[in-house]
C-alpha atoms as a PDB file:
ATOM      1  CA  UNK A   1     138.781 -67.558   5.382  1.00  0.00           C
ATOM      2  CA  UNK A   2     135.574 -66.217   6.845  1.00  0.00           C
ATOM      3  CA  UNK A   3     135.422 -62.502   7.554  1.00  0.00           C
ATOM      4  CA  UNK A   4     133.107 -61.077  10.169  1.00  0.00           C
ATOM      5  CA  UNK A   5     132.456 -57.343  10.208  1.00  0.00           C
ATOM      6  CA  UNK A   6     133.322 -55.401  13.331  1.00  0.00           C
ATOM      7  CA  UNK A   7     129.768 -54.065  13.361  1.00  0.00           C
ATOM      8  CA  UNK A   8     126.559 -55.535  11.960  1.00  0.00           C
ATOM      9  CA  UNK A   9     126.489 -54.975   8.227  1.00  0.00           C
ATOM     10  CA  UNK A  10     123.154 -55.569   6.531  1.00  0.00           C
ATOM     11  CA  UNK A  11     122.536 -56.437   2.898  1.00  0.00           C
ATOM     12  CA  UNK A  12     121.511 -52.889   1.939  1.00  0.00           C
ATOM     13  CA  UNK A  13     124.712 -51.465   3.369  1.00  0.00           C
ATOM     14  CA  UNK A  14     126.791 -54.135   1.636  1.00  0.00           C
ATOM     15  CA  UNK A  15     125.095 -53.266  -1.658  1.00  0.00           C
ATOM     16  CA  UNK A  16     126.057 -49.604  -1.172  1.00  0.00           C
ATOM     17  CA  UNK A  17     129.647 -50.464  -0.281  1.00  0.00           C
ATOM     18  CA  UNK A  18     129.942 -52.921  -3.184  1.00  0.00           C
ATOM     19  CA  UNK A  19     129.595 -50.081  -5.694  1.00  0.00           C
ATOM     20  CA  UNK A  20     132.675 -48.271  -4.371  1.00  0.00           C
ATOM     21  CA  UNK A  21     135.187 -47.231  -7.021  1.00  0.00           C
ATOM     22  CA  UNK A  22     136.790 -44.495  -4.926  1.00  0.00           C
ATOM     23  CA  UNK A  23     137.131 -44.139  -1.156  1.00  0.00           C
ATOM     24  CA  UNK A  24     137.675 -40.644   0.199  1.00  0.00           C
ATOM     25  CA  UNK A  25     139.021 -39.923   3.657  1.00  0.00           C
ATOM     26  CA  UNK A  26     139.262 -36.953   5.967  1.00  0.00           C
ATOM     27  CA  UNK A  27     142.423 -36.929   8.090  1.00  0.00           C
ATOM     28  CA  UNK A  28     142.241 -35.331  11.540  1.00  0.00           C
ATOM     29  CA  UNK A  29     139.923 -37.453  13.677  1.00  0.00           C
ATOM     30  CA  UNK A  30     139.764 -40.192  11.020  1.00  0.00           C
ATOM     31  CA  UNK A  31     143.308 -41.159  10.045  1.00  0.00           C
ATOM     32  CA  UNK A  32     144.516 -39.683  13.356  1.00  0.00           C
ATOM     33  CA  UNK A  33     142.912 -39.435  16.784  1.00  0.00           C
ATOM     34  CA  UNK A  34     142.244 -35.745  16.148  1.00  0.00           C
ATOM     35  CA  UNK A  35     144.920 -34.473  18.511  1.00  0.00           C
ATOM     36  CA  UNK A  36     147.259 -31.745  17.318  1.00  0.00           C
ATOM     37  CA  UNK A  37     150.902 -32.060  18.368  1.00  0.00           C
ATOM     38  CA  UNK A  38     153.496 -29.328  17.833  1.00  0.00           C
ATOM     39  CA  UNK A  39     157.241 -29.486  18.288  1.00  0.00           C
ATOM     40  CA  UNK A  40     159.096 -26.742  20.165  1.00  0.00           C
ATOM     41  CA  UNK A  41     159.825 -25.229  16.743  1.00  0.00           C
ATOM     42  CA  UNK A  42     156.104 -25.161  15.898  1.00  0.00           C
ATOM     43  CA  UNK A  43     156.230 -28.067  13.462  1.00  0.00           C
ATOM     44  CA  UNK A  44     152.971 -30.006  13.355  1.00  0.00           C
ATOM     45  CA  UNK A  45     153.253 -33.724  14.018  1.00  0.00           C
ATOM     46  CA  UNK A  46     150.623 -36.381  13.337  1.00  0.00           C
ATOM     47  CA  UNK A  47     150.388 -39.971  14.515  1.00  0.00           C
ATOM     48  CA  UNK A  48     149.045 -42.462  11.981  1.00  0.00           C
ATOM     49  CA  UNK A  49     148.106 -46.114  12.546  1.00  0.00           C
ATOM     50  CA  UNK A  50     150.069 -48.679  10.553  1.00  0.00           C
ATOM     51  CA  UNK A  51     146.980 -50.924  10.595  1.00  0.00           C
ATOM     52  CA  UNK A  52     144.978 -48.176   8.921  1.00  0.00           C
ATOM     53  CA  UNK A  53     147.776 -47.618   6.437  1.00  0.00           C
ATOM     54  CA  UNK A  54     147.859 -51.266   5.491  1.00  0.00           C
ATOM     55  CA  UNK A  55     144.081 -51.231   5.086  1.00  0.00           C
ATOM     56  CA  UNK A  56     144.485 -48.387   2.588  1.00  0.00           C
ATOM     57  CA  UNK A  57     147.152 -50.352   0.701  1.00  0.00           C
ATOM     58  CA  UNK A  58     144.943 -53.450   0.576  1.00  0.00           C
ATOM     59  CA  UNK A  59     142.011 -51.358  -0.657  1.00  0.00           C
ATOM     60  CA  UNK A  60     144.179 -49.923  -3.428  1.00  0.00           C
ATOM     61  CA  UNK A  61     145.385 -53.419  -4.339  1.00  0.00           C
ATOM     62  CA  UNK A  62     141.761 -54.533  -4.598  1.00  0.00           C
ATOM     63  CA  UNK A  63     141.192 -51.920  -7.320  1.00  0.00           C
ATOM     64  CA  UNK A  64     139.602 -49.059  -5.376  1.00  0.00           C
ATOM     65  CA  UNK A  65     141.025 -45.560  -5.849  1.00  0.00           C
ATOM     66  CA  UNK A  66     141.911 -43.789  -2.587  1.00  0.00           C
ATOM     67  CA  UNK A  67     141.749 -40.032  -2.030  1.00  0.00           C
ATOM     68  CA  UNK A  68     142.284 -37.689   0.889  1.00  0.00           C
ATOM     69  CA  UNK A  69     140.475 -34.377   1.372  1.00  0.00           C
ATOM     70  CA  UNK A  70     141.723 -32.484   4.419  1.00  0.00           C
ATOM     71  CA  UNK A  71     140.905 -29.071   5.761  1.00  0.00           C
ATOM     72  CA  UNK A  72     144.433 -28.799   7.114  1.00  0.00           C
ATOM     73  CA  UNK A  73     147.696 -28.851   5.208  1.00  0.00           C
ATOM     74  CA  UNK A  74     150.761 -30.449   6.751  1.00  0.00           C
ATOM     75  CA  UNK A  75     154.094 -31.880   5.732  1.00  0.00           C
ATOM     76  CA  UNK A  76     153.311 -34.957   7.838  1.00  0.00           C
ATOM     77  CA  UNK A  77     150.187 -35.679   5.797  1.00  0.00           C
ATOM     78  CA  UNK A  78     152.001 -35.115   2.509  1.00  0.00           C
ATOM     79  CA  UNK A  79     154.645 -37.610   3.634  1.00  0.00           C
ATOM     80  CA  UNK A  80     152.052 -40.176   4.739  1.00  0.00           C
ATOM     81  CA  UNK A  81     150.196 -39.920   1.432  1.00  0.00           C
ATOM     82  CA  UNK A  82     153.461 -40.345  -0.469  1.00  0.00           C
ATOM     83  CA  UNK A  83     154.405 -43.387   1.642  1.00  0.00           C
ATOM     84  CA  UNK A  84     151.016 -44.947   0.842  1.00  0.00           C
ATOM     85  CA  UNK A  85     151.195 -43.931  -2.838  1.00  0.00           C
ATOM     86  CA  UNK A  86     148.012 -41.895  -2.564  1.00  0.00           C
ATOM     87  CA  UNK A  87     148.141 -39.430  -5.438  1.00  0.00           C
ATOM     88  CA  UNK A  88     144.698 -37.913  -4.936  1.00  0.00           C
ATOM     89  CA  UNK A  89     145.647 -35.616  -2.033  1.00  0.00           C
ATOM     90  CA  UNK A  90     143.864 -32.333  -1.381  1.00  0.00           C
ATOM     91  CA  UNK A  91     145.049 -30.323   1.628  1.00  0.00           C
ATOM     92  CA  UNK A  92     143.985 -26.980   3.060  1.00  0.00           C
ATOM     93  CA  UNK A  93     140.498 -27.412   1.604  1.00  0.00           C
ATOM     94  CA  UNK A  94     137.777 -25.143   2.951  1.00  0.00           C
ATOM     95  CA  UNK A  95     135.003 -26.394   0.651  1.00  0.00           C
ATOM     96  CA  UNK A  96     135.220 -30.176   0.584  1.00  0.00           C
ATOM     97  CA  UNK A  97     132.145 -30.664  -1.584  1.00  0.00           C
ATOM     98  CA  UNK A  98     133.558 -28.656  -4.484  1.00  0.00           C
ATOM     99  CA  UNK A  99     136.803 -30.651  -4.376  1.00  0.00           C
ATOM    100  CA  UNK A 100     134.784 -33.882  -4.129  1.00  0.00           C
ATOM    101  CA  UNK A 101     132.746 -32.957  -7.227  1.00  0.00           C
ATOM    102  CA  UNK A 102     135.859 -31.949  -9.200  1.00  0.00           C
ATOM    103  CA  UNK A 103     137.640 -35.163  -8.206  1.00  0.00           C
ATOM    104  CA  UNK A 104     134.757 -37.357  -9.311  1.00  0.00           C
ATOM    105  CA  UNK A 105     134.405 -35.459 -12.563  1.00  0.00           C
ATOM    106  CA  UNK A 106     138.136 -35.784 -13.327  1.00  0.00           C
ATOM    107  CA  UNK A 107     137.964 -39.561 -12.747  1.00  0.00           C
ATOM    108  CA  UNK A 108     134.562 -40.034 -14.438  1.00  0.00           C
ATOM    109  CA  UNK A 109     133.096 -41.592 -11.284  1.00  0.00           C
ATOM    110  CA  UNK A 110     129.486 -41.168 -10.193  1.00  0.00           C
ATOM    111  CA  UNK A 111     128.842 -40.029  -6.613  1.00  0.00           C
ATOM    112  CA  UNK A 112     126.893 -43.263  -6.003  1.00  0.00           C
ATOM    113  CA  UNK A 113     130.169 -45.113  -6.616  1.00  0.00           C
ATOM    114  CA  UNK A 114     132.073 -43.070  -4.024  1.00  0.00           C
ATOM    115  CA  UNK A 115     132.589 -43.959  -0.364  1.00  0.00           C
ATOM    116  CA  UNK A 116     133.635 -41.491   2.296  1.00  0.00           C
ATOM    117  CA  UNK A 117     134.776 -41.549   5.920  1.00  0.00           C
ATOM    118  CA  UNK A 118     134.719 -38.412   8.062  1.00  0.00           C
ATOM    119  CA  UNK A 119     134.330 -37.210  11.615  1.00  0.00           C
ATOM    120  CA  UNK A 120     132.738 -33.769  11.718  1.00  0.00           C
ATOM    121  CA  UNK A 121     130.248 -31.394  10.161  1.00  0.00           C
ATOM    122  CA  UNK A 122     132.815 -30.076   7.656  1.00  0.00           C
ATOM    123  CA  UNK A 123     132.767 -33.542   6.059  1.00  0.00           C
ATOM    124  CA  UNK A 124     128.988 -33.717   5.589  1.00  0.00           C
ATOM    125  CA  UNK A 125     128.951 -31.742   2.322  1.00  0.00           C
ATOM    126  CA  UNK A 126     130.832 -34.548   0.589  1.00  0.00           C
ATOM    127  CA  UNK A 127     129.654 -37.475   2.752  1.00  0.00           C
ATOM    128  CA  UNK A 128     126.041 -36.620   1.936  1.00  0.00           C
ATOM    129  CA  UNK A 129     126.792 -37.184  -1.754  1.00  0.00           C
ATOM    130  CA  UNK A 130     128.583 -40.544  -1.322  1.00  0.00           C
ATOM    131  CA  UNK A 131     126.822 -43.776  -2.149  1.00  0.00           C
ATOM    132  CA  UNK A 132     128.390 -45.216   0.998  1.00  0.00           C
ATOM    133  CA  UNK A 133     129.269 -42.856   3.841  1.00  0.00           C
ATOM    134  CA  UNK A 134     130.592 -43.441   7.336  1.00  0.00           C
ATOM    135  CA  UNK A 135     131.849 -41.655  10.397  1.00  0.00           C
ATOM    136  CA  UNK A 136     133.911 -42.618  13.407  1.00  0.00           C
ATOM    137  CA  UNK A 137     132.087 -43.306  16.701  1.00  0.00           C
ATOM    138  CA  UNK A 138     133.521 -40.244  18.421  1.00  0.00           C
ATOM    139  CA  UNK A 139     132.064 -37.938  15.769  1.00  0.00           C
ATOM    140  CA  UNK A 140     129.344 -35.599  17.078  1.00  0.00           C
ATOM    141  CA  UNK A 141     126.163 -37.605  17.635  1.00  0.00           C
ATOM    142  CA  UNK A 142     124.213 -35.843  14.870  1.00  0.00           C
ATOM    143  CA  UNK A 143     126.752 -37.233  12.382  1.00  0.00           C
ATOM    144  CA  UNK A 144     125.672 -40.787  13.225  1.00  0.00           C
ATOM    145  CA  UNK A 145     122.242 -40.130  11.747  1.00  0.00           C
ATOM    146  CA  UNK A 146     123.647 -38.572   8.567  1.00  0.00           C
ATOM    147  CA  UNK A 147     125.800 -41.492   7.401  1.00  0.00           C
ATOM    148  CA  UNK A 148     125.186 -45.101   6.403  1.00  0.00           C
ATOM    149  CA  UNK A 149     127.711 -46.661   8.778  1.00  0.00           C
ATOM    150  CA  UNK A 150     129.448 -45.806  12.049  1.00  0.00           C
ATOM    151  CA  UNK A 151     132.731 -47.617  12.590  1.00  0.00           C
ATOM    152  CA  UNK A 152     133.349 -49.494  15.805  1.00  0.00           C
ATOM    153  CA  UNK A 153     136.994 -48.414  15.842  1.00  0.00           C
ATOM    154  CA  UNK A 154     137.914 -44.834  16.670  1.00  0.00           C
ATOM    155  CA  UNK A 155     139.741 -42.391  14.456  1.00  0.00           C
ATOM    156  CA  UNK A 156     143.460 -43.117  14.343  1.00  0.00           C
ATOM    157  CA  UNK A 157     142.856 -46.519  15.943  1.00  0.00           C
ATOM    158  CA  UNK A 158     141.521 -48.772  13.210  1.00  0.00           C
ATOM    159  CA  UNK A 159     138.519 -46.894  11.794  1.00  0.00           C
ATOM    160  CA  UNK A 160     140.136 -46.555   8.373  1.00  0.00           C
ATOM    161  CA  UNK A 161     141.079 -50.243   8.320  1.00  0.00           C
ATOM    162  CA  UNK A 162     137.539 -51.262   9.315  1.00  0.00           C
ATOM    163  CA  UNK A 163     136.006 -49.062   6.605  1.00  0.00           C
ATOM    164  CA  UNK A 164     138.388 -50.472   3.978  1.00  0.00           C
ATOM    165  CA  UNK A 165     137.586 -54.030   5.022  1.00  0.00           C
ATOM    166  CA  UNK A 166     133.827 -53.422   4.851  1.00  0.00           C
ATOM    167  CA  UNK A 167     134.258 -52.214   1.256  1.00  0.00           C
ATOM    168  CA  UNK A 168     136.467 -55.148   0.261  1.00  0.00           C
ATOM    169  CA  UNK A 169     134.086 -57.600   1.961  1.00  0.00           C
ATOM    170  CA  UNK A 170     131.096 -56.091   0.143  1.00  0.00           C
ATOM    171  CA  UNK A 171     132.934 -56.433  -3.163  1.00  0.00           C
ATOM    172  CA  UNK A 172     133.855 -60.044  -2.447  1.00  0.00           C
ATOM    173  CA  UNK A 173     137.578 -59.207  -2.482  1.00  0.00           C
ATOM    174  CA  UNK A 174     138.594 -59.278   1.177  1.00  0.00           C
ATOM    175  CA  UNK A 175     139.227 -63.018   1.487  1.00  0.00           C
ATOM    176  CA  UNK A 176     141.483 -63.013  -1.588  1.00  0.00           C
ATOM    177  CA  UNK A 177     143.424 -59.983  -0.345  1.00  0.00           C
ATOM    178  CA  UNK A 178     143.932 -61.525   3.108  1.00  0.00           C
ATOM    179  CA  UNK A 179     144.762 -64.968   1.696  1.00  0.00           C
ATOM    180  CA  UNK A 180     147.860 -63.544  -0.035  1.00  0.00           C
ATOM    181  CA  UNK A 181     149.401 -63.002   3.398  1.00  0.00           C
ATOM    182  CA  UNK A 182     148.703 -66.531   4.570  1.00  0.00           C
ATOM    183  CA  UNK A 183     150.452 -68.320   1.722  1.00  0.00           C
END
């Protein structure tokens, strides 16, 4: 099967993505569209894409660790992480870089071997340290110049899946992962 990236991916970017041992994601605006929904009782609700979720599962199956670092804490996110078997979950984080550094140290992973996807300035402290960093297209325009890749898909609508597939493609694993579903 031949895979074609959603956006042009040059050799230098593929080399960066190929090193990925851990992929770290923000949530609001990345795994969701950034909207906040509250029930009449004040319970926060989030809408997640199943396509993005399956991309995360495929990335894990390909051997890449997945982590979430979110500035907000919510029961919905805890449930989503549990459903996807993501054990590296950090919620209510005000200093994402410190958590990023502690996470990498605990897993003995170099920052050059980390990939990150975010959507706003609060993500730059850890994205700037990643060997492969990306943002969603609806991130503030200055973010586009601070990362290595801007997804074609928007947050909550395929950006996570696209990012996962770029990593798997760069590592030469995407075709094998997709082929399992065609047998």
